[in-house]
């Protein structure tokens, strides 16, 4: 069986929350760019006439609502659109004193995340040569660790020990309100400056 874990990190369990806090702003920053791009492409027909006072805030919020609708629709679609996919999370396995992390989401292909210094690259694959900067001993340890951590005896074993932390999840029934609130605040703050 081939193992291919091209992007993975290892952190001390007591630094897991720090790790999440470190990558969250990067994920939100990239997502904000997607939201702003969608808003700039929202047609004028989406901005319906209302009896409310016409202002840039109202117009921007209507465009924002339309952009969020497009993002939610894209997140539920079986045909994922990389330009509209902001869902992002991390798979976590706790083993010994470490947390082993594999990021999950289309965004991984779009941006190169920066990781904190206290995390260690822990990628592993057995279908090609190991990286030059990793010793044979370390590579062998990674193989054994990943076999114990998430490979187990099959898919059900893999998921039985996996935790998933969602940074952004718009595919759920009610969406990710934290993300929507953060993006709305950023939108208003950017326009006031």
Protein backbone atom coordinates (compact mmCIF):
# COMPACT_ATOMS: atom_id res chain seq x y z
CA UNK A 1 0.00 0.00 0.00
CA UNK A 2 1.27 3.46 -0.87
CA UNK A 3 1.31 6.21 1.75
CA UNK A 4 1.32 9.81 0.51
CA UNK A 5 1.18 12.54 3.14
CA UNK A 6 2.73 15.50 1.36
CA UNK A 7 1.69 18.22 3.81
CA UNK A 8 1.80 17.38 7.50
CA UNK A 9 2.98 18.99 10.72
CA UNK A 10 3.82 17.74 14.18
CA UNK A 11 3.37 19.89 17.28
CA UNK A 12 3.51 19.28 20.97
CA UNK A 13 -0.04 18.68 22.22
CA UNK A 14 0.21 21.67 24.55
CA UNK A 15 0.85 23.94 21.51
CA UNK A 16 -2.05 22.69 19.35
CA UNK A 17 -4.25 25.71 20.07
CA UNK A 18 -1.30 28.03 19.35
CA UNK A 19 -0.87 26.26 16.00
CA UNK A 20 -4.54 26.79 15.11
CA UNK A 21 -4.35 30.45 16.17
CA UNK A 22 -1.26 30.89 13.98
CA UNK A 23 -2.80 29.58 10.75
CA UNK A 24 -6.36 30.93 11.18
CA UNK A 25 -5.50 34.54 10.14
CA UNK A 26 -3.72 33.28 7.00
CA UNK A 27 -6.74 31.22 6.01
CA UNK A 28 -9.05 34.17 6.68
CA UNK A 29 -6.80 36.56 4.73
CA UNK A 30 -6.89 34.31 1.67
CA UNK A 31 -10.63 33.81 2.03
CA UNK A 32 -11.14 37.56 2.29
CA UNK A 33 -9.49 37.95 -1.13
CA UNK A 34 -11.92 35.40 -2.55
CA UNK A 35 -14.91 37.19 -0.99
CA UNK A 36 -13.74 40.58 -2.31
CA UNK A 37 -13.20 39.14 -5.80
CA UNK A 38 -16.68 37.63 -5.77
CA UNK A 39 -18.15 40.91 -4.55
CA UNK A 40 -16.50 42.80 -7.39
CA UNK A 41 -18.12 40.37 -9.85
CA UNK A 42 -21.60 40.51 -8.36
CA UNK A 43 -23.85 42.07 -10.95
CA UNK A 44 -25.78 45.25 -10.31
CA UNK A 45 -29.00 43.24 -10.63
CA UNK A 46 -28.25 41.73 -7.21
CA UNK A 47 -28.46 45.15 -5.63
CA UNK A 48 -32.21 45.41 -5.38
CA UNK A 49 -33.93 48.69 -4.75
CA UNK A 50 -35.13 49.04 -1.19
CA UNK A 51 -36.71 51.77 0.84
CA UNK A 52 -33.60 51.98 2.97
CA UNK A 53 -31.30 54.94 2.61
CA UNK A 54 -28.90 54.34 -0.27
CA UNK A 55 -25.37 54.14 1.03
CA UNK A 56 -22.10 52.40 0.27
CA UNK A 57 -22.58 50.25 3.39
CA UNK A 58 -25.94 48.95 2.21
CA UNK A 59 -24.61 48.28 -1.28
CA UNK A 60 -21.50 46.52 0.01
CA UNK A 61 -23.49 44.40 2.46
CA UNK A 62 -25.89 43.31 -0.28
CA UNK A 63 -22.91 42.37 -2.45
CA UNK A 64 -21.39 40.59 0.56
CA UNK A 65 -24.59 38.60 1.13
CA UNK A 66 -24.59 37.56 -2.53
CA UNK A 67 -20.90 36.57 -2.34
CA UNK A 68 -21.61 34.48 0.78
CA UNK A 69 -24.52 32.80 -0.99
CA UNK A 70 -22.22 31.89 -3.89
CA UNK A 71 -19.61 30.52 -1.46
CA UNK A 72 -22.19 28.43 0.39
CA UNK A 73 -23.60 27.05 -2.86
CA UNK A 74 -20.08 26.18 -4.03
CA UNK A 75 -19.24 24.46 -0.75
CA UNK A 76 -22.27 22.16 -1.10
CA UNK A 77 -21.68 21.38 -4.77
CA UNK A 78 -20.18 18.06 -5.78
CA UNK A 79 -18.26 19.92 -8.47
CA UNK A 80 -15.92 21.95 -6.27
CA UNK A 81 -14.90 25.27 -7.72
CA UNK A 82 -11.40 26.18 -6.47
CA UNK A 83 -12.13 29.87 -6.97
CA UNK A 84 -15.13 29.70 -4.63
CA UNK A 85 -13.97 27.12 -2.11
CA UNK A 86 -13.05 28.62 1.25
CA UNK A 87 -13.79 25.61 3.46
CA UNK A 88 -10.66 24.71 5.41
CA UNK A 89 -9.84 22.56 8.40
CA UNK A 90 -7.19 20.36 9.92
CA UNK A 91 -7.19 16.63 10.60
CA UNK A 92 -5.55 15.91 13.95
CA UNK A 93 -4.29 12.70 15.51
CA UNK A 94 -3.09 12.75 19.11
CA UNK A 95 -0.36 10.22 19.74
CA UNK A 96 2.01 10.26 22.68
CA UNK A 97 2.93 13.83 23.46
CA UNK A 98 2.40 15.10 19.93
CA UNK A 99 -0.43 16.17 17.67
CA UNK A 100 -0.01 15.13 14.03
CA UNK A 101 -1.77 17.50 11.66
CA UNK A 102 -2.83 17.26 8.03
CA UNK A 103 -4.49 20.41 6.62
CA UNK A 104 -7.64 19.80 4.58
CA UNK A 105 -9.29 21.94 1.93
CA UNK A 106 -8.94 23.20 -1.62
CA UNK A 107 -7.07 26.22 -0.26
CA UNK A 108 -3.97 24.07 0.31
CA UNK A 109 -3.46 24.11 -3.47
CA UNK A 110 -3.99 27.87 -3.70
CA UNK A 111 -1.70 29.26 -1.02
CA UNK A 112 1.43 28.25 0.77
CA UNK A 113 0.69 28.49 4.47
CA UNK A 114 3.37 29.67 6.85
CA UNK A 115 3.72 27.45 9.88
CA UNK A 116 4.94 28.39 13.35
CA UNK A 117 8.52 27.64 14.35
CA UNK A 118 7.34 25.30 17.09
CA UNK A 119 5.81 22.95 14.50
CA UNK A 120 7.85 20.44 12.53
CA UNK A 121 7.32 19.23 8.97
CA UNK A 122 6.18 15.62 9.32
CA UNK A 123 5.26 14.69 5.77
CA UNK A 124 5.88 11.15 4.61
CA UNK A 125 5.50 9.11 1.45
CA UNK A 126 6.81 5.71 0.50
CA UNK A 127 6.44 5.88 -3.26
CA UNK A 128 9.54 8.03 -3.97
CA UNK A 129 12.82 8.95 -2.33
CA UNK A 130 12.85 10.85 0.94
CA UNK A 131 13.84 14.53 0.96
CA UNK A 132 17.57 15.23 1.18
CA UNK A 133 17.27 17.13 4.45
CA UNK A 134 15.69 14.17 6.29
CA UNK A 135 17.91 11.36 7.56
CA UNK A 136 17.13 7.72 6.82
CA UNK A 137 16.54 7.14 10.52
CA UNK A 138 14.08 10.05 10.74
CA UNK A 139 12.28 8.88 7.58
CA UNK A 140 11.90 5.41 9.03
CA UNK A 141 10.54 6.90 12.28
CA UNK A 142 7.99 8.92 10.32
CA UNK A 143 6.88 5.77 8.53
CA UNK A 144 6.37 3.90 11.79
CA UNK A 145 4.67 6.87 13.43
CA UNK A 146 2.18 7.42 10.59
CA UNK A 147 1.44 3.68 10.51
CA UNK A 148 0.48 3.87 14.19
CA UNK A 149 -1.16 7.29 14.06
CA UNK A 150 -3.55 7.18 11.15
CA UNK A 151 -3.09 4.16 8.93
CA UNK A 152 -4.04 1.44 11.38
CA UNK A 153 -5.79 -1.51 9.80
CA UNK A 154 -7.97 0.39 7.38
CA UNK A 155 -10.16 3.40 6.76
CA UNK A 156 -12.43 2.83 9.76
CA UNK A 157 -9.40 2.61 12.03
CA UNK A 158 -8.03 5.80 10.50
CA UNK A 159 -11.21 7.75 11.24
CA UNK A 160 -11.72 6.23 14.69
CA UNK A 161 -8.74 8.17 16.01
CA UNK A 162 -9.04 11.32 13.90
CA UNK A 163 -10.16 14.69 15.19
CA UNK A 164 -11.21 17.40 12.78
CA UNK A 165 -11.05 21.10 13.55
CA UNK A 166 -12.90 23.31 11.10
CA UNK A 167 -11.44 26.76 10.52
CA UNK A 168 -14.09 27.61 7.89
CA UNK A 169 -17.08 25.41 7.06
CA UNK A 170 -19.80 26.90 4.88
CA UNK A 171 -21.16 23.53 3.78
CA UNK A 172 -23.04 22.95 7.05
CA UNK A 173 -26.74 23.70 7.36
CA UNK A 174 -26.28 27.09 9.03
CA UNK A 175 -22.88 27.98 7.66
CA UNK A 176 -19.90 29.28 9.57
CA UNK A 177 -21.12 32.38 11.37
CA UNK A 178 -17.69 33.15 12.84
CA UNK A 179 -16.28 33.37 9.32
CA UNK A 180 -19.19 35.45 8.01
CA UNK A 181 -19.01 37.84 10.96
CA UNK A 182 -15.24 38.21 10.62
CA UNK A 183 -15.49 38.88 6.87
CA UNK A 184 -18.31 41.41 7.35
CA UNK A 185 -16.26 43.25 10.00
CA UNK A 186 -13.22 43.31 7.72
CA UNK A 187 -15.31 44.57 4.81
CA UNK A 188 -16.73 47.46 6.81
CA UNK A 189 -13.38 48.27 8.42
CA UNK A 190 -11.59 48.32 5.03
CA UNK A 191 -14.16 50.68 3.54
CA UNK A 192 -13.99 53.08 6.46
CA UNK A 193 -10.22 53.49 6.12
